[in-house]
Amino acid sequence: MSLFCVFLNLLYNNYMDYKVINLKINSPSVDEAIANLDIEIDICKLSNVKVLKVIHGYGSHGTGGAICIAVRKFLKTLIKQKKIKDMLFGNEWDLSNKKCFDLLENLKDCYKDEDLNKLNPGITIVVL
């Protein structure tokens, strides 16, 4: 991604609390998906985005959910490194979940998310 693209992203997303990235676009390899996610996390942090919804799928096409597994493993590493604050799996993205409810209390933009309360295993919520 060029520096100009990063600048535009910062300019236009400076007031967003919430952003979505779809790692399934163009059917990337696991390594490409993780590299894209790592870059997107950096951009979101620079843009003051508080929550990143990652669409990674769950292996419904018989591939075993390799990207899903790799994303969650990668995010666990980032939590240990304190690069991100937390994550919620798709089945935790539900108002009956205390961690989700507490997060949404401060981030009203997230209430509009189409996967909220759907228990979608193909997403992970990243708290930045």
C-alpha atoms as a PDB file:
ATOM      1  CA  MET A   1       0.000   0.000   0.000  1.00  0.00           C
ATOM      2  CA  SER A   2       1.425   3.354  -0.960  1.00  0.00           C
ATOM      3  CA  LEU A   3       2.023   6.115   1.547  1.00  0.00           C
ATOM      4  CA  PHE A   4      -0.547   8.231  -0.295  1.00  0.00           C
ATOM      5  CA  CYS A   5      -3.204   5.528   0.223  1.00  0.00           C
ATOM      6  CA  VAL A   6      -2.361   5.384   3.920  1.00  0.00           C
ATOM      7  CA  PHE A   7      -2.702   9.184   4.118  1.00  0.00           C
ATOM      8  CA  LEU A   8      -6.110   9.102   2.407  1.00  0.00           C
ATOM      9  CA  ASN A   9      -7.240   6.352   4.725  1.00  0.00           C
ATOM     10  CA  LEU A  10      -6.177   8.426   7.729  1.00  0.00           C
ATOM     11  CA  LEU A  11      -7.919  11.483   6.348  1.00  0.00           C
ATOM     12  CA  TYR A  12     -11.258   9.834   5.619  1.00  0.00           C
ATOM     13  CA  ASN A  13     -11.408   7.414   8.540  1.00  0.00           C
ATOM     14  CA  ASN A  14     -10.207   9.722  11.286  1.00  0.00           C
ATOM     15  CA  TYR A  15     -13.595   9.824  13.016  1.00  0.00           C
ATOM     16  CA  MET A  16     -14.676   6.207  12.650  1.00  0.00           C
ATOM     17  CA  ASP A  17     -14.814   3.982  15.712  1.00  0.00           C
ATOM     18  CA  TYR A  18     -15.473   0.863  13.660  1.00  0.00           C
ATOM     19  CA  LYS A  19     -14.192  -0.619  10.416  1.00  0.00           C
ATOM     20  CA  VAL A  20     -14.630  -3.877   8.459  1.00  0.00           C
ATOM     21  CA  ILE A  21     -11.993  -5.771   6.487  1.00  0.00           C
ATOM     22  CA  ASN A  22     -12.844  -8.759   4.298  1.00  0.00           C
ATOM     23  CA  LEU A  23      -9.847 -11.088   4.093  1.00  0.00           C
ATOM     24  CA  LYS A  24     -11.662 -13.420   1.698  1.00  0.00           C
ATOM     25  CA  ILE A  25     -11.553 -10.991  -1.243  1.00  0.00           C
ATOM     26  CA  ASN A  26      -9.471 -12.394  -4.137  1.00  0.00           C
ATOM     27  CA  SER A  27      -9.001 -15.738  -2.335  1.00  0.00           C
ATOM     28  CA  PRO A  28      -5.629 -14.948  -0.724  1.00  0.00           C
ATOM     29  CA  SER A  29      -3.255 -17.505   0.719  1.00  0.00           C
ATOM     30  CA  VAL A  30      -3.059 -17.704   4.497  1.00  0.00           C
ATOM     31  CA  ASP A  31       0.197 -15.719   4.494  1.00  0.00           C
ATOM     32  CA  GLU A  32      -1.304 -12.996   2.277  1.00  0.00           C
ATOM     33  CA  ALA A  33      -4.393 -12.754   4.486  1.00  0.00           C
ATOM     34  CA  ILE A  34      -2.294 -12.369   7.642  1.00  0.00           C
ATOM     35  CA  ALA A  35      -0.066  -9.755   5.973  1.00  0.00           C
ATOM     36  CA  ASN A  36      -3.168  -7.804   4.884  1.00  0.00           C
ATOM     37  CA  LEU A  37      -4.602  -8.009   8.393  1.00  0.00           C
ATOM     38  CA  ASP A  38      -1.353  -6.808   9.964  1.00  0.00           C
ATOM     39  CA  ILE A  39      -1.241  -3.779   7.647  1.00  0.00           C
ATOM     40  CA  GLU A  40      -4.917  -3.014   8.256  1.00  0.00           C
ATOM     41  CA  ILE A  41      -4.458  -3.128  12.036  1.00  0.00           C
ATOM     42  CA  ASP A  42      -1.609  -0.611  11.770  1.00  0.00           C
ATOM     43  CA  ILE A  43      -3.703   1.697   9.579  1.00  0.00           C
ATOM     44  CA  CYS A  44      -6.689   1.442  11.928  1.00  0.00           C
ATOM     45  CA  LYS A  45      -4.577   2.271  14.952  1.00  0.00           C
ATOM     46  CA  LEU A  46      -3.167   5.328  13.182  1.00  0.00           C
ATOM     47  CA  SER A  47      -6.714   6.327  12.237  1.00  0.00           C
ATOM     48  CA  ASN A  48      -8.017   5.988  15.812  1.00  0.00           C
ATOM     49  CA  VAL A  49     -10.369   3.170  14.833  1.00  0.00           C
ATOM     50  CA  LYS A  50     -11.389   1.353  18.018  1.00  0.00           C
ATOM     51  CA  VAL A  51     -12.871  -1.864  16.602  1.00  0.00           C
ATOM     52  CA  LEU A  52     -11.997  -3.837  13.476  1.00  0.00           C
ATOM     53  CA  LYS A  53     -14.368  -6.533  12.234  1.00  0.00           C
ATOM     54  CA  VAL A  54     -12.404  -9.168  10.329  1.00  0.00           C
ATOM     55  CA  ILE A  55     -14.308 -11.315   7.842  1.00  0.00           C
ATOM     56  CA  HIS A  56     -12.287 -14.478   7.315  1.00  0.00           C
ATOM     57  CA  GLY A  57     -14.821 -17.217   6.689  1.00  0.00           C
ATOM     58  CA  TYR A  58     -14.925 -20.467   8.594  1.00  0.00           C
ATOM     59  CA  GLY A  59     -14.063 -23.151   6.083  1.00  0.00           C
ATOM     60  CA  SER A  60     -17.506 -23.814   4.657  1.00  0.00           C
ATOM     61  CA  HIS A  61     -15.959 -24.606   1.254  1.00  0.00           C
ATOM     62  CA  GLY A  62     -14.062 -27.619   2.568  1.00  0.00           C
ATOM     63  CA  THR A  63     -10.728 -25.876   3.081  1.00  0.00           C
ATOM     64  CA  GLY A  64     -10.816 -26.356   6.854  1.00  0.00           C
ATOM     65  CA  GLY A  65     -10.917 -22.684   7.702  1.00  0.00           C
ATOM     66  CA  ALA A  66      -7.154 -22.226   7.412  1.00  0.00           C
ATOM     67  CA  ILE A  67      -7.438 -18.435   7.305  1.00  0.00           C
ATOM     68  CA  CYS A  68      -9.809 -18.419  10.285  1.00  0.00           C
ATOM     69  CA  ILE A  69      -7.418 -20.520  12.353  1.00  0.00           C
ATOM     70  CA  ALA A  70      -4.392 -18.451  11.316  1.00  0.00           C
ATOM     71  CA  VAL A  71      -6.145 -15.133  12.004  1.00  0.00           C
ATOM     72  CA  ARG A  72      -7.121 -16.164  15.516  1.00  0.00           C
ATOM     73  CA  LYS A  73      -3.648 -17.501  16.270  1.00  0.00           C
ATOM     74  CA  PHE A  74      -2.089 -14.279  14.929  1.00  0.00           C
ATOM     75  CA  LEU A  75      -4.448 -12.108  16.991  1.00  0.00           C
ATOM     76  CA  LYS A  76      -3.634 -14.059  20.164  1.00  0.00           C
ATOM     77  CA  THR A  77       0.023 -13.236  19.527  1.00  0.00           C
ATOM     78  CA  LEU A  78      -0.818  -9.561  19.074  1.00  0.00           C
ATOM     79  CA  ILE A  79      -2.697  -9.546  22.387  1.00  0.00           C
ATOM     80  CA  LYS A  80       0.370 -10.975  24.143  1.00  0.00           C
ATOM     81  CA  GLN A  81       2.520  -8.302  22.459  1.00  0.00           C
ATOM     82  CA  LYS A  82      -0.032  -5.658  23.541  1.00  0.00           C
ATOM     83  CA  LYS A  83      -0.468  -4.509  19.933  1.00  0.00           C
ATOM     84  CA  ILE A  84      -4.237  -5.062  20.266  1.00  0.00           C
ATOM     85  CA  LYS A  85      -6.380  -5.020  23.389  1.00  0.00           C
ATOM     86  CA  ASP A  86      -8.695  -7.962  22.842  1.00  0.00           C
ATOM     87  CA  MET A  87     -10.718  -9.987  20.365  1.00  0.00           C
ATOM     88  CA  LEU A  88     -14.134 -11.559  20.269  1.00  0.00           C
ATOM     89  CA  PHE A  89     -14.962 -14.563  18.141  1.00  0.00           C
ATOM     90  CA  GLY A  90     -18.105 -14.360  16.029  1.00  0.00           C
ATOM     91  CA  ASN A  91     -20.070 -16.448  18.509  1.00  0.00           C
ATOM     92  CA  GLU A  92     -19.198 -13.882  21.212  1.00  0.00           C
ATOM     93  CA  TRP A  93     -20.421 -10.933  19.095  1.00  0.00           C
ATOM     94  CA  ASP A  94     -23.752 -10.959  20.875  1.00  0.00           C
ATOM     95  CA  LEU A  95     -25.380  -8.542  23.308  1.00  0.00           C
ATOM     96  CA  SER A  96     -25.899 -11.360  25.811  1.00  0.00           C
ATOM     97  CA  ASN A  97     -22.088 -11.613  26.091  1.00  0.00           C
ATOM     98  CA  LYS A  98     -20.810  -9.266  28.815  1.00  0.00           C
ATOM     99  CA  LYS A  99     -17.543  -8.490  27.011  1.00  0.00           C
ATOM    100  CA  CYS A 100     -19.465  -7.551  23.872  1.00  0.00           C
ATOM    101  CA  PHE A 101     -22.053  -5.546  25.787  1.00  0.00           C
ATOM    102  CA  ASP A 102     -19.355  -3.571  27.629  1.00  0.00           C
ATOM    103  CA  LEU A 103     -17.563  -2.831  24.371  1.00  0.00           C
ATOM    104  CA  LEU A 104     -20.724  -1.645  22.647  1.00  0.00           C
ATOM    105  CA  GLU A 105     -21.618   0.619  25.534  1.00  0.00           C
ATOM    106  CA  ASN A 106     -18.863   3.007  24.385  1.00  0.00           C
ATOM    107  CA  LEU A 107     -18.928   2.371  20.638  1.00  0.00           C
ATOM    108  CA  LYS A 108     -22.361   3.092  19.242  1.00  0.00           C
ATOM    109  CA  ASP A 109     -21.237   2.642  15.603  1.00  0.00           C
ATOM    110  CA  CYS A 110     -20.917  -1.092  16.232  1.00  0.00           C
ATOM    111  CA  TYR A 111     -24.637  -1.465  16.927  1.00  0.00           C
ATOM    112  CA  LYS A 112     -25.201  -1.143  13.180  1.00  0.00           C
ATOM    113  CA  ASP A 113     -23.114  -4.225  12.398  1.00  0.00           C
ATOM    114  CA  GLU A 114     -25.075  -6.807  10.423  1.00  0.00           C
ATOM    115  CA  ASP A 115     -23.409  -9.717  12.261  1.00  0.00           C
ATOM    116  CA  LEU A 116     -24.227  -8.519  15.765  1.00  0.00           C
ATOM    117  CA  ASN A 117     -26.317 -11.188  17.539  1.00  0.00           C
ATOM    118  CA  LYS A 118     -25.914 -13.627  14.605  1.00  0.00           C
ATOM    119  CA  LEU A 119     -23.186 -15.831  16.199  1.00  0.00           C
ATOM    120  CA  ASN A 120     -21.242 -15.830  12.913  1.00  0.00           C
ATOM    121  CA  PRO A 121     -18.167 -18.118  13.091  1.00  0.00           C
ATOM    122  CA  GLY A 122     -16.723 -16.459   9.963  1.00  0.00           C
ATOM    123  CA  ILE A 123     -15.820 -13.213  11.730  1.00  0.00           C
ATOM    124  CA  THR A 124     -13.586 -12.018  14.530  1.00  0.00           C
ATOM    125  CA  ILE A 125     -13.868  -8.652  16.261  1.00  0.00           C
ATOM    126  CA  VAL A 126     -10.558  -6.962  17.073  1.00  0.00           C
ATOM    127  CA  VAL A 127     -10.445  -4.376  19.862  1.00  0.00           C
ATOM    128  CA  LEU A 128      -7.628  -1.945  19.109  1.00  0.00           C
END
